[in-house]
Amino acid sequence: MHAFDVLGDPVRRRILELLADGERTSGAVTAVIRAEFGISQPAVSQHLRVLRDNGFATVQRDGARRRYAVDDTALREADEWLGRFRRFWTPHLDAMATEIARGRRQRRLNQTEE
């Protein structure tokens, strides 16, 4: 499965967001995903398996529990692929950062004048 096919699913993206904050048990992931998406535990397990099988997550057994964490292998590959396109948005992001800095500077100047 291609990295963007894996990342194209909102449930899998959300699971990765959870794992990016730190290692979690499958039960903890399932609780959040069930509450947010209303899907069953077996469906969450399938999404975790897709992430694991495609290099986005690792799993370690801890007795009866399974602890999941982000595996950056597939994320690095996706980042490398996106690298050729960065030239299209980097100048826009740089310009936005400049405008944000100008706005902050102007607010500070306005506050000192008051």
PDB file of N, CA and C in Angstrom:
ATOM      1  N   MET A   1       0.845  -1.167   0.000  1.00  0.00           N
ATOM      2  CA  MET A   1       0.000   0.000   0.000  1.00  0.00           C
ATOM      3  C   MET A   1       0.900   1.242   0.000  1.00  0.00           C
ATOM      4  N   HIS A   2       0.576   2.213  -0.804  1.00  0.00           N
ATOM      5  CA  HIS A   2       1.346   3.449  -0.884  1.00  0.00           C
ATOM      6  C   HIS A   2       1.121   4.278   0.378  1.00  0.00           C
ATOM      7  N   ALA A   3       2.135   5.020   0.797  1.00  0.00           N
ATOM      8  CA  ALA A   3       2.054   5.820   2.021  1.00  0.00           C
ATOM      9  C   ALA A   3       0.841   6.738   2.027  1.00  0.00           C
ATOM     10  N   PHE A   4       0.534   7.345   0.888  1.00  0.00           N
ATOM     11  CA  PHE A   4      -0.573   8.288   0.860  1.00  0.00           C
ATOM     12  C   PHE A   4      -1.925   7.577   0.865  1.00  0.00           C
ATOM     13  N   ASP A   5      -1.964   6.321   0.469  1.00  0.00           N
ATOM     14  CA  ASP A   5      -3.186   5.533   0.634  1.00  0.00           C
ATOM     15  C   ASP A   5      -3.427   5.285   2.124  1.00  0.00           C
ATOM     16  N   VAL A   6      -2.354   4.995   2.835  1.00  0.00           N
ATOM     17  CA  VAL A   6      -2.462   4.779   4.278  1.00  0.00           C
ATOM     18  C   VAL A   6      -2.883   6.076   4.958  1.00  0.00           C
ATOM     19  N   LEU A   7      -2.222   7.177   4.616  1.00  0.00           N
ATOM     20  CA  LEU A   7      -2.500   8.461   5.257  1.00  0.00           C
ATOM     21  C   LEU A   7      -3.805   9.097   4.794  1.00  0.00           C
ATOM     22  N   GLY A   8      -4.361   8.605   3.711  1.00  0.00           N
ATOM     23  CA  GLY A   8      -5.601   9.160   3.187  1.00  0.00           C
ATOM     24  C   GLY A   8      -6.812   8.873   4.057  1.00  0.00           C
ATOM     25  N   ASP A   9      -6.696   7.932   4.954  1.00  0.00           N
ATOM     26  CA  ASP A   9      -7.821   7.576   5.810  1.00  0.00           C
ATOM     27  C   ASP A   9      -7.796   8.431   7.084  1.00  0.00           C
ATOM     28  N   PRO A  10      -8.889   9.129   7.395  1.00  0.00           N
ATOM     29  CA  PRO A  10      -8.904  10.009   8.571  1.00  0.00           C
ATOM     30  C   PRO A  10      -8.720   9.270   9.894  1.00  0.00           C
ATOM     31  N   VAL A  11      -9.178   8.036   9.981  1.00  0.00           N
ATOM     32  CA  VAL A  11      -8.995   7.272  11.217  1.00  0.00           C
ATOM     33  C   VAL A  11      -7.514   6.989  11.427  1.00  0.00           C
ATOM     34  N   ARG A  12      -6.818   6.567  10.388  1.00  0.00           N
ATOM     35  CA  ARG A  12      -5.389   6.273  10.528  1.00  0.00           C
ATOM     36  C   ARG A  12      -4.593   7.546  10.817  1.00  0.00           C
ATOM     37  N   ARG A  13      -4.983   8.659  10.186  1.00  0.00           N
ATOM     38  CA  ARG A  13      -4.287   9.916  10.501  1.00  0.00           C
ATOM     39  C   ARG A  13      -4.474  10.276  11.970  1.00  0.00           C
ATOM     40  N   ARG A  14      -5.681  10.088  12.482  1.00  0.00           N
ATOM     41  CA  ARG A  14      -5.942  10.408  13.888  1.00  0.00           C
ATOM     42  C   ARG A  14      -5.154   9.490  14.810  1.00  0.00           C
ATOM     43  N   ILE A  15      -5.079   8.213  14.463  1.00  0.00           N
ATOM     44  CA  ILE A  15      -4.283   7.287  15.276  1.00  0.00           C
ATOM     45  C   ILE A  15      -2.829   7.746  15.306  1.00  0.00           C
ATOM     46  N   LEU A  16      -2.295   8.144  14.160  1.00  0.00           N
ATOM     47  CA  LEU A  16      -0.912   8.634  14.132  1.00  0.00           C
ATOM     48  C   LEU A  16      -0.753   9.881  14.990  1.00  0.00           C
ATOM     49  N   GLU A  17      -1.741  10.766  14.976  1.00  0.00           N
ATOM     50  CA  GLU A  17      -1.681  11.955  15.834  1.00  0.00           C
ATOM     51  C   GLU A  17      -1.599  11.547  17.302  1.00  0.00           C
ATOM     52  N   LEU A  18      -2.403  10.571  17.687  1.00  0.00           N
ATOM     53  CA  LEU A  18      -2.362  10.091  19.067  1.00  0.00           C
ATOM     54  C   LEU A  18      -0.997   9.508  19.405  1.00  0.00           C
ATOM     55  N   LEU A  19      -0.467   8.699  18.495  1.00  0.00           N
ATOM     56  CA  LEU A  19       0.832   8.056  18.747  1.00  0.00           C
ATOM     57  C   LEU A  19       1.978   9.058  18.712  1.00  0.00           C
ATOM     58  N   ALA A  20       1.810  10.146  17.976  1.00  0.00           N
ATOM     59  CA  ALA A  20       2.860  11.175  17.928  1.00  0.00           C
ATOM     60  C   ALA A  20       3.057  11.823  19.298  1.00  0.00           C
ATOM     61  N   ASP A  21       2.021  11.793  20.128  1.00  0.00           N
ATOM     62  CA  ASP A  21       2.123  12.348  21.477  1.00  0.00           C
ATOM     63  C   ASP A  21       2.784  11.383  22.446  1.00  0.00           C
ATOM     64  N   GLY A  22       3.024  10.161  22.016  1.00  0.00           N
ATOM     65  CA  GLY A  22       3.682   9.171  22.863  1.00  0.00           C
ATOM     66  C   GLY A  22       3.056   7.798  22.695  1.00  0.00           C
ATOM     67  N   GLU A  23       3.784   6.816  23.142  1.00  0.00           N
ATOM     68  CA  GLU A  23       3.342   5.429  23.047  1.00  0.00           C
ATOM     69  C   GLU A  23       1.999   5.256  23.754  1.00  0.00           C
ATOM     70  N   ARG A  24       1.129   4.438  23.161  1.00  0.00           N
ATOM     71  CA  ARG A  24      -0.194   4.169  23.749  1.00  0.00           C
ATOM     72  C   ARG A  24      -0.547   2.699  23.595  1.00  0.00           C
ATOM     73  N   THR A  25      -1.334   2.228  24.530  1.00  0.00           N
ATOM     74  CA  THR A  25      -1.830   0.857  24.414  1.00  0.00           C
ATOM     75  C   THR A  25      -2.923   0.825  23.354  1.00  0.00           C
ATOM     76  N   SER A  26      -3.159  -0.367  22.821  1.00  0.00           N
ATOM     77  CA  SER A  26      -4.229  -0.502  21.831  1.00  0.00           C
ATOM     78  C   SER A  26      -5.573  -0.136  22.454  1.00  0.00           C
ATOM     79  N   GLY A  27      -5.759  -0.437  23.726  1.00  0.00           N
ATOM     80  CA  GLY A  27      -7.001  -0.084  24.412  1.00  0.00           C
ATOM     81  C   GLY A  27      -7.206   1.418  24.493  1.00  0.00           C
ATOM     82  N   ALA A  28      -6.126   2.155  24.771  1.00  0.00           N
ATOM     83  CA  ALA A  28      -6.223   3.615  24.851  1.00  0.00           C
ATOM     84  C   ALA A  28      -6.538   4.207  23.480  1.00  0.00           C
ATOM     85  N   VAL A  29      -5.891   3.689  22.455  1.00  0.00           N
ATOM     86  CA  VAL A  29      -6.158   4.159  21.089  1.00  0.00           C
ATOM     87  C   VAL A  29      -7.604   3.845  20.726  1.00  0.00           C
ATOM     88  N   THR A  30      -8.037   2.620  21.016  1.00  0.00           N
ATOM     89  CA  THR A  30      -9.392   2.200  20.677  1.00  0.00           C
ATOM     90  C   THR A  30     -10.427   3.082  21.363  1.00  0.00           C
ATOM     91  N   ALA A  31     -10.207   3.418  22.621  1.00  0.00           N
ATOM     92  CA  ALA A  31     -11.172   4.244  23.356  1.00  0.00           C
ATOM     93  C   ALA A  31     -11.369   5.597  22.677  1.00  0.00           C
ATOM     94  N   VAL A  32     -10.273   6.241  22.279  1.00  0.00           N
ATOM     95  CA  VAL A  32     -10.370   7.550  21.634  1.00  0.00           C
ATOM     96  C   VAL A  32     -11.037   7.430  20.265  1.00  0.00           C
ATOM     97  N   ILE A  33     -10.596   6.466  19.481  1.00  0.00           N
ATOM     98  CA  ILE A  33     -11.113   6.323  18.117  1.00  0.00           C
ATOM     99  C   ILE A  33     -12.591   5.930  18.132  1.00  0.00           C
ATOM    100  N   ARG A  34     -12.965   5.065  19.036  1.00  0.00           N
ATOM    101  CA  ARG A  34     -14.394   4.686  19.138  1.00  0.00           C
ATOM    102  C   ARG A  34     -15.235   5.890  19.499  1.00  0.00           C
ATOM    103  N   ALA A  35     -14.742   6.717  20.420  1.00  0.00           N
ATOM    104  CA  ALA A  35     -15.499   7.903  20.829  1.00  0.00           C
ATOM    105  C   ALA A  35     -15.603   8.923  19.695  1.00  0.00           C
ATOM    106  N   GLU A  36     -14.531   9.087  18.944  1.00  0.00           N
ATOM    107  CA  GLU A  36     -14.518  10.117  17.903  1.00  0.00           C
ATOM    108  C   GLU A  36     -15.144   9.664  16.588  1.00  0.00           C
ATOM    109  N   PHE A  37     -14.989   8.387  16.247  1.00  0.00           N
ATOM    110  CA  PHE A  37     -15.446   7.906  14.940  1.00  0.00           C
ATOM    111  C   PHE A  37     -16.592   6.899  15.027  1.00  0.00           C
ATOM    112  N   GLY A  38     -16.842   6.383  16.214  1.00  0.00           N
ATOM    113  CA  GLY A  38     -17.935   5.439  16.382  1.00  0.00           C
ATOM    114  C   GLY A  38     -17.734   4.106  15.687  1.00  0.00           C
ATOM    115  N   ILE A  39     -16.484   3.660  15.599  1.00  0.00           N
ATOM    116  CA  ILE A  39     -16.215   2.373  14.954  1.00  0.00           C
ATOM    117  C   ILE A  39     -15.868   1.324  16.012  1.00  0.00           C
ATOM    118  N   SER A  40     -15.971   0.079  15.636  1.00  0.00           N
ATOM    119  CA  SER A  40     -15.776  -1.031  16.570  1.00  0.00           C
ATOM    120  C   SER A  40     -14.295  -1.255  16.887  1.00  0.00           C
ATOM    121  N   GLN A  41     -14.075  -1.999  17.962  1.00  0.00           N
ATOM    122  CA  GLN A  41     -12.707  -2.360  18.355  1.00  0.00           C
ATOM    123  C   GLN A  41     -12.004  -3.153  17.257  1.00  0.00           C
ATOM    124  N   PRO A  42     -12.672  -4.142  16.609  1.00  0.00           N
ATOM    125  CA  PRO A  42     -11.988  -4.848  15.523  1.00  0.00           C
ATOM    126  C   PRO A  42     -11.602  -3.928  14.360  1.00  0.00           C
ATOM    127  N   ALA A  43     -12.419  -2.918  14.092  1.00  0.00           N
ATOM    128  CA  ALA A  43     -12.092  -1.970  13.016  1.00  0.00           C
ATOM    129  C   ALA A  43     -10.867  -1.148  13.392  1.00  0.00           C
ATOM    130  N   VAL A  44     -10.783  -0.723  14.653  1.00  0.00           N
ATOM    131  CA  VAL A  44      -9.601   0.025  15.112  1.00  0.00           C
ATOM    132  C   VAL A  44      -8.371  -0.869  15.018  1.00  0.00           C
ATOM    133  N   SER A  45      -8.509  -2.111  15.424  1.00  0.00           N
ATOM    134  CA  SER A  45      -7.388  -3.055  15.336  1.00  0.00           C
ATOM    135  C   SER A  45      -6.912  -3.210  13.897  1.00  0.00           C
ATOM    136  N   GLN A  46      -7.838  -3.228  12.962  1.00  0.00           N
ATOM    137  CA  GLN A  46      -7.467  -3.339  11.545  1.00  0.00           C
ATOM    138  C   GLN A  46      -6.681  -2.104  11.100  1.00  0.00           C
ATOM    139  N   HIS A  47      -7.098  -0.932  11.526  1.00  0.00           N
ATOM    140  CA  HIS A  47      -6.364   0.291  11.180  1.00  0.00           C
ATOM    141  C   HIS A  47      -4.957   0.266  11.794  1.00  0.00           C
ATOM    142  N   LEU A  48      -4.854  -0.201  13.037  1.00  0.00           N
ATOM    143  CA  LEU A  48      -3.537  -0.315  13.669  1.00  0.00           C
ATOM    144  C   LEU A  48      -2.663  -1.296  12.892  1.00  0.00           C
ATOM    145  N   ARG A  49      -3.252  -2.362  12.418  1.00  0.00           N
ATOM    146  CA  ARG A  49      -2.492  -3.340  11.643  1.00  0.00           C
ATOM    147  C   ARG A  49      -1.995  -2.729  10.330  1.00  0.00           C
ATOM    148  N   VAL A  50      -2.842  -1.980   9.646  1.00  0.00           N
ATOM    149  CA  VAL A  50      -2.429  -1.325   8.396  1.00  0.00           C
ATOM    150  C   VAL A  50      -1.257  -0.385   8.675  1.00  0.00           C
ATOM    151  N   LEU A  51      -1.339   0.381   9.761  1.00  0.00           N
ATOM    152  CA  LEU A  51      -0.234   1.288  10.108  1.00  0.00           C
ATOM    153  C   LEU A  51       1.042   0.501  10.400  1.00  0.00           C
ATOM    154  N   ARG A  52       0.917  -0.570  11.135  1.00  0.00           N
ATOM    155  CA  ARG A  52       2.067  -1.413  11.478  1.00  0.00           C
ATOM    156  C   ARG A  52       2.658  -2.078  10.237  1.00  0.00           C
ATOM    157  N   ASP A  53       1.817  -2.666   9.415  1.00  0.00           N
ATOM    158  CA  ASP A  53       2.282  -3.398   8.236  1.00  0.00           C
ATOM    159  C   ASP A  53       2.910  -2.487   7.180  1.00  0.00           C
ATOM    160  N   ASN A  54       2.587  -1.199   7.227  1.00  0.00           N
ATOM    161  CA  ASN A  54       3.100  -0.265   6.222  1.00  0.00           C
ATOM    162  C   ASN A  54       4.176   0.670   6.758  1.00  0.00           C
ATOM    163  N   GLY A  55       4.722   0.348   7.923  1.00  0.00           N
ATOM    164  CA  GLY A  55       5.871   1.076   8.444  1.00  0.00           C
ATOM    165  C   GLY A  55       5.561   2.390   9.128  1.00  0.00           C
ATOM    166  N   PHE A  56       4.322   2.601   9.570  1.00  0.00           N
ATOM    167  CA  PHE A  56       3.961   3.835  10.260  1.00  0.00           C
ATOM    168  C   PHE A  56       3.911   3.666  11.774  1.00  0.00           C
ATOM    169  N   ALA A  57       3.800   2.440  12.254  1.00  0.00           N
ATOM    170  CA  ALA A  57       3.694   2.191  13.686  1.00  0.00           C
ATOM    171  C   ALA A  57       4.444   0.917  14.050  1.00  0.00           C
ATOM    172  N   THR A  58       4.902   0.905  15.284  1.00  0.00           N
ATOM    173  CA  THR A  58       5.516  -0.301  15.838  1.00  0.00           C
ATOM    174  C   THR A  58       4.627  -0.787  16.975  1.00  0.00           C
ATOM    175  N   VAL A  59       4.761  -2.045  17.304  1.00  0.00           N
ATOM    176  CA  VAL A  59       4.009  -2.605  18.422  1.00  0.00           C
ATOM    177  C   VAL A  59       4.944  -3.445  19.274  1.00  0.00           C
ATOM    178  N   GLN A  60       4.755  -3.326  20.590  1.00  0.00           N
ATOM    179  CA  GLN A  60       5.492  -4.158  21.535  1.00  0.00           C
ATOM    180  C   GLN A  60       4.481  -4.798  22.464  1.00  0.00           C
ATOM    181  N   ARG A  61       4.662  -6.077  22.700  1.00  0.00           N
ATOM    182  CA  ARG A  61       3.778  -6.765  23.629  1.00  0.00           C
ATOM    183  C   ARG A  61       4.285  -6.548  25.046  1.00  0.00           C
ATOM    184  N   ASP A  62       3.355  -6.240  25.912  1.00  0.00           N
ATOM    185  CA  ASP A  62       3.642  -6.029  27.326  1.00  0.00           C
ATOM    186  C   ASP A  62       2.634  -6.866  28.097  1.00  0.00           C
ATOM    187  N   GLY A  63       2.943  -8.143  28.229  1.00  0.00           N
ATOM    188  CA  GLY A  63       1.980  -9.075  28.813  1.00  0.00           C
ATOM    189  C   GLY A  63       0.812  -9.227  27.850  1.00  0.00           C
ATOM    190  N   ALA A  64      -0.386  -8.957  28.338  1.00  0.00           N
ATOM    191  CA  ALA A  64      -1.577  -9.058  27.494  1.00  0.00           C
ATOM    192  C   ALA A  64      -1.801  -7.780  26.680  1.00  0.00           C
ATOM    193  N   ARG A  65      -1.084  -6.740  27.008  1.00  0.00           N
ATOM    194  CA  ARG A  65      -1.257  -5.462  26.318  1.00  0.00           C
ATOM    195  C   ARG A  65      -0.344  -5.350  25.114  1.00  0.00           C
ATOM    196  N   ARG A  66      -0.772  -4.501  24.202  1.00  0.00           N
ATOM    197  CA  ARG A  66       0.073  -4.143  23.064  1.00  0.00           C
ATOM    198  C   ARG A  66       0.264  -2.638  23.101  1.00  0.00           C
ATOM    199  N   ARG A  67       1.523  -2.230  23.041  1.00  0.00           N
ATOM    200  CA  ARG A  67       1.846  -0.803  23.068  1.00  0.00           C
ATOM    201  C   ARG A  67       2.295  -0.379  21.677  1.00  0.00           C
ATOM    202  N   TYR A  68       1.639   0.648  21.164  1.00  0.00           N
ATOM    203  CA  TYR A  68       1.929   1.162  19.820  1.00  0.00           C
ATOM    204  C   TYR A  68       2.683   2.470  19.922  1.00  0.00           C
ATOM    205  N   ALA A  69       3.564   2.690  18.944  1.00  0.00           N
ATOM    206  CA  ALA A  69       4.328   3.930  18.849  1.00  0.00           C
ATOM    207  C   ALA A  69       4.513   4.258  17.370  1.00  0.00           C
ATOM    208  N   VAL A  70       4.844   5.507  17.101  1.00  0.00           N
ATOM    209  CA  VAL A  70       5.105   5.909  15.716  1.00  0.00           C
ATOM    210  C   VAL A  70       6.415   5.290  15.263  1.00  0.00           C
ATOM    211  N   ASP A  71       6.405   4.769  14.058  1.00  0.00           N
ATOM    212  CA  ASP A  71       7.616   4.334  13.363  1.00  0.00           C
ATOM    213  C   ASP A  71       7.803   5.351  12.247  1.00  0.00           C
ATOM    214  N   ASP A  72       8.905   6.061  12.258  1.00  0.00           N
ATOM    215  CA  ASP A  72       9.064   7.148  11.284  1.00  0.00           C
ATOM    216  C   ASP A  72       9.575   6.698   9.917  1.00  0.00           C
ATOM    217  N   THR A  73       9.733   5.414   9.703  1.00  0.00           N
ATOM    218  CA  THR A  73      10.253   4.915   8.425  1.00  0.00           C
ATOM    219  C   THR A  73       9.404   5.372   7.248  1.00  0.00           C
ATOM    220  N   ALA A  74       8.131   5.047   7.267  1.00  0.00           N
ATOM    221  CA  ALA A  74       7.251   5.409   6.146  1.00  0.00           C
ATOM    222  C   ALA A  74       7.026   6.915   6.090  1.00  0.00           C
ATOM    223  N   LEU A  75       7.019   7.568   7.242  1.00  0.00           N
ATOM    224  CA  LEU A  75       6.856   9.027   7.250  1.00  0.00           C
ATOM    225  C   LEU A  75       8.051   9.710   6.584  1.00  0.00           C
ATOM    226  N   ARG A  76       9.241   9.193   6.839  1.00  0.00           N
ATOM    227  CA  ARG A  76      10.429   9.761   6.171  1.00  0.00           C
ATOM    228  C   ARG A  76      10.362   9.557   4.670  1.00  0.00           C
ATOM    229  N   GLU A  77       9.890   8.384   4.233  1.00  0.00           N
ATOM    230  CA  GLU A  77       9.752   8.122   2.796  1.00  0.00           C
ATOM    231  C   GLU A  77       8.739   9.076   2.163  1.00  0.00           C
ATOM    232  N   ALA A  78       7.624   9.315   2.840  1.00  0.00           N
ATOM    233  CA  ALA A  78       6.621  10.262   2.326  1.00  0.00           C
ATOM    234  C   ALA A  78       7.198  11.671   2.290  1.00  0.00           C
ATOM    235  N   ASP A  79       7.957  12.023   3.305  1.00  0.00           N
ATOM    236  CA  ASP A  79       8.585  13.345   3.352  1.00  0.00           C
ATOM    237  C   ASP A  79       9.577  13.523   2.207  1.00  0.00           C
ATOM    238  N   GLU A  80      10.337  12.494   1.908  1.00  0.00           N
ATOM    239  CA  GLU A  80      11.276  12.556   0.784  1.00  0.00           C
ATOM    240  C   GLU A  80      10.532  12.745  -0.535  1.00  0.00           C
ATOM    241  N   TRP A  81       9.426  12.047  -0.702  1.00  0.00           N
ATOM    242  CA  TRP A  81       8.646  12.181  -1.930  1.00  0.00           C
ATOM    243  C   TRP A  81       8.091  13.604  -2.046  1.00  0.00           C
ATOM    244  N   LEU A  82       7.617  14.138  -0.929  1.00  0.00           N
ATOM    245  CA  LEU A  82       7.077  15.499  -0.934  1.00  0.00           C
ATOM    246  C   LEU A  82       8.163  16.548  -1.179  1.00  0.00           C
ATOM    247  N   GLY A  83       9.412  16.194  -0.919  1.00  0.00           N
ATOM    248  CA  GLY A  83      10.514  17.135  -1.069  1.00  0.00           C
ATOM    249  C   GLY A  83      10.561  17.827  -2.416  1.00  0.00           C
ATOM    250  N   ARG A  84      10.240  17.122  -3.472  1.00  0.00           N
ATOM    251  CA  ARG A  84      10.294  17.732  -4.799  1.00  0.00           C
ATOM    252  C   ARG A  84       9.218  18.792  -5.004  1.00  0.00           C
ATOM    253  N   PHE A  85       8.209  18.814  -4.144  1.00  0.00           N
ATOM    254  CA  PHE A  85       7.116  19.768  -4.284  1.00  0.00           C
ATOM    255  C   PHE A  85       7.205  20.945  -3.311  1.00  0.00           C
ATOM    256  N   ARG A  86       8.125  20.891  -2.375  1.00  0.00           N
ATOM    257  CA  ARG A  86       8.238  21.940  -1.354  1.00  0.00           C
ATOM    258  C   ARG A  86       8.465  23.320  -1.958  1.00  0.00           C
ATOM    259  N   ARG A  87       9.110  23.359  -3.101  1.00  0.00           N
ATOM    260  CA  ARG A  87       9.396  24.655  -3.726  1.00  0.00           C
ATOM    261  C   ARG A  87       8.116  25.407  -4.067  1.00  0.00           C
ATOM    262  N   PHE A  88       7.000  24.687  -4.161  1.00  0.00           N
ATOM    263  CA  PHE A  88       5.740  25.336  -4.489  1.00  0.00           C
ATOM    264  C   PHE A  88       5.117  26.050  -3.290  1.00  0.00           C
ATOM    265  N   TRP A  89       5.356  25.549  -2.080  1.00  0.00           N
ATOM    266  CA  TRP A  89       4.726  26.191  -0.935  1.00  0.00           C
ATOM    267  C   TRP A  89       5.698  26.877   0.020  1.00  0.00           C
ATOM    268  N   THR A  90       6.975  26.538  -0.031  1.00  0.00           N
ATOM    269  CA  THR A  90       7.925  27.143   0.901  1.00  0.00           C
ATOM    270  C   THR A  90       7.967  28.662   0.785  1.00  0.00           C
ATOM    271  N   PRO A  91       8.036  29.251  -0.420  1.00  0.00           N
ATOM    272  CA  PRO A  91       8.051  30.722  -0.487  1.00  0.00           C
ATOM    273  C   PRO A  91       6.789  31.351   0.120  1.00  0.00           C
ATOM    274  N   HIS A  92       5.655  30.698  -0.052  1.00  0.00           N
ATOM    275  CA  HIS A  92       4.410  31.226   0.510  1.00  0.00           C
ATOM    276  C   HIS A  92       4.429  31.160   2.030  1.00  0.00           C
ATOM    277  N   LEU A  93       4.957  30.078   2.574  1.00  0.00           N
ATOM    278  CA  LEU A  93       5.057  29.957   4.025  1.00  0.00           C
ATOM    279  C   LEU A  93       6.059  30.957   4.590  1.00  0.00           C
ATOM    280  N   ASP A  94       7.156  31.163   3.872  1.00  0.00           N
ATOM    281  CA  ASP A  94       8.133  32.165   4.301  1.00  0.00           C
ATOM    282  C   ASP A  94       7.515  33.559   4.305  1.00  0.00           C
ATOM    283  N   ALA A  95       6.743  33.881   3.255  1.00  0.00           N
ATOM    284  CA  ALA A  95       6.081  35.186   3.174  1.00  0.00           C
ATOM    285  C   ALA A  95       5.078  35.339   4.318  1.00  0.00           C
ATOM    286  N   MET A  96       4.353  34.281   4.628  1.00  0.00           N
ATOM    287  CA  MET A  96       3.393  34.342   5.726  1.00  0.00           C
ATOM    288  C   MET A  96       4.121  34.582   7.054  1.00  0.00           C
ATOM    289  N   ALA A  97       5.240  33.915   7.272  1.00  0.00           N
ATOM    290  CA  ALA A  97       6.014  34.116   8.499  1.00  0.00           C
ATOM    291  C   ALA A  97       6.487  35.555   8.610  1.00  0.00           C
ATOM    292  N   THR A  98       6.886  36.143   7.481  1.00  0.00           N
ATOM    293  CA  THR A  98       7.309  37.542   7.478  1.00  0.00           C
ATOM    294  C   THR A  98       6.151  38.452   7.869  1.00  0.00           C
ATOM    295  N   GLU A  99       4.969  38.201   7.324  1.00  0.00           N
ATOM    296  CA  GLU A  99       3.798  39.024   7.641  1.00  0.00           C
ATOM    297  C   GLU A  99       3.385  38.876   9.099  1.00  0.00           C
ATOM    298  N   ILE A 100       3.490  37.694   9.635  1.00  0.00           N
ATOM    299  CA  ILE A 100       3.170  37.473  11.046  1.00  0.00           C
ATOM    300  C   ILE A 100       4.140  38.260  11.920  1.00  0.00           C
ATOM    301  N   ALA A 101       5.427  38.201  11.571  1.00  0.00           N
ATOM    302  CA  ALA A 101       6.434  38.952  12.335  1.00  0.00           C
ATOM    303  C   ALA A 101       6.168  40.449  12.250  1.00  0.00           C
ATOM    304  N   ARG A 102       5.795  40.942  11.072  1.00  0.00           N
ATOM    305  CA  ARG A 102       5.471  42.370  10.920  1.00  0.00           C
ATOM    306  C   ARG A 102       4.300  42.758  11.802  1.00  0.00           C
ATOM    307  N   GLY A 103       3.269  41.914  11.809  1.00  0.00           N
ATOM    308  CA  GLY A 103       2.095  42.190  12.637  1.00  0.00           C
ATOM    309  C   GLY A 103       2.438  42.232  14.111  1.00  0.00           C
ATOM    310  N   ARG A 104       3.268  41.316  14.569  1.00  0.00           N
ATOM    311  CA  ARG A 104       3.695  41.310  15.978  1.00  0.00           C
ATOM    312  C   ARG A 104       4.482  42.571  16.305  1.00  0.00           C
ATOM    313  N   ARG A 105       5.389  42.922  15.423  1.00  0.00           N
ATOM    314  CA  ARG A 105       6.208  44.118  15.630  1.00  0.00           C
ATOM    315  C   ARG A 105       5.308  45.354  15.697  1.00  0.00           C
ATOM    316  N   GLN A 106       4.327  45.438  14.798  1.00  0.00           N
ATOM    317  CA  GLN A 106       3.424  46.587  14.775  1.00  0.00           C
ATOM    318  C   GLN A 106       2.581  46.644  16.045  1.00  0.00           C
ATOM    319  N   ARG A 107       2.124  45.510  16.545  1.00  0.00           N
ATOM    320  CA  ARG A 107       1.344  45.499  17.789  1.00  0.00           C
ATOM    321  C   ARG A 107       2.188  45.966  18.961  1.00  0.00           C
ATOM    322  N   ARG A 108       3.460  45.543  19.001  1.00  0.00           N
ATOM    323  CA  ARG A 108       4.346  45.991  20.082  1.00  0.00           C
ATOM    324  C   ARG A 108       4.545  47.503  20.008  1.00  0.00           C
ATOM    325  N   LEU A 109       4.746  48.014  18.786  1.00  0.00           N
ATOM    326  CA  LEU A 109       4.928  49.462  18.626  1.00  0.00           C
ATOM    327  C   LEU A 109       3.678  50.225  19.046  1.00  0.00           C
ATOM    328  N   ASN A 110       2.516  49.704  18.683  1.00  0.00           N
ATOM    329  CA  ASN A 110       1.263  50.348  19.049  1.00  0.00           C
ATOM    330  C   ASN A 110       1.054  50.341  20.555  1.00  0.00           C
ATOM    331  N   GLN A 111       1.480  49.273  21.236  1.00  0.00           N
ATOM    332  CA  GLN A 111       1.321  49.181  22.694  1.00  0.00           C
ATOM    333  C   GLN A 111       2.242  50.167  23.401  1.00  0.00           C
ATOM    334  N   THR A 112       3.443  50.366  22.862  1.00  0.00           N
ATOM    335  CA  THR A 112       4.371  51.302  23.524  1.00  0.00           C
ATOM    336  C   THR A 112       3.949  52.740  23.292  1.00  0.00           C
ATOM    337  N   GLU A 113       3.201  53.021  22.240  1.00  0.00           N
ATOM    338  CA  GLU A 113       2.743  54.370  21.963  1.00  0.00           C
ATOM    339  C   GLU A 113       1.548  54.747  22.834  1.00  0.00           C
ATOM    340  N   GLU A 114       0.840  53.760  23.371  1.00  0.00           N
ATOM    341  CA  GLU A 114      -0.371  54.033  24.161  1.00  0.00           C
ATOM    342  C   GLU A 114      -0.067  54.480  25.536  1.00  0.00           C
TER     343      GLU A 114
END
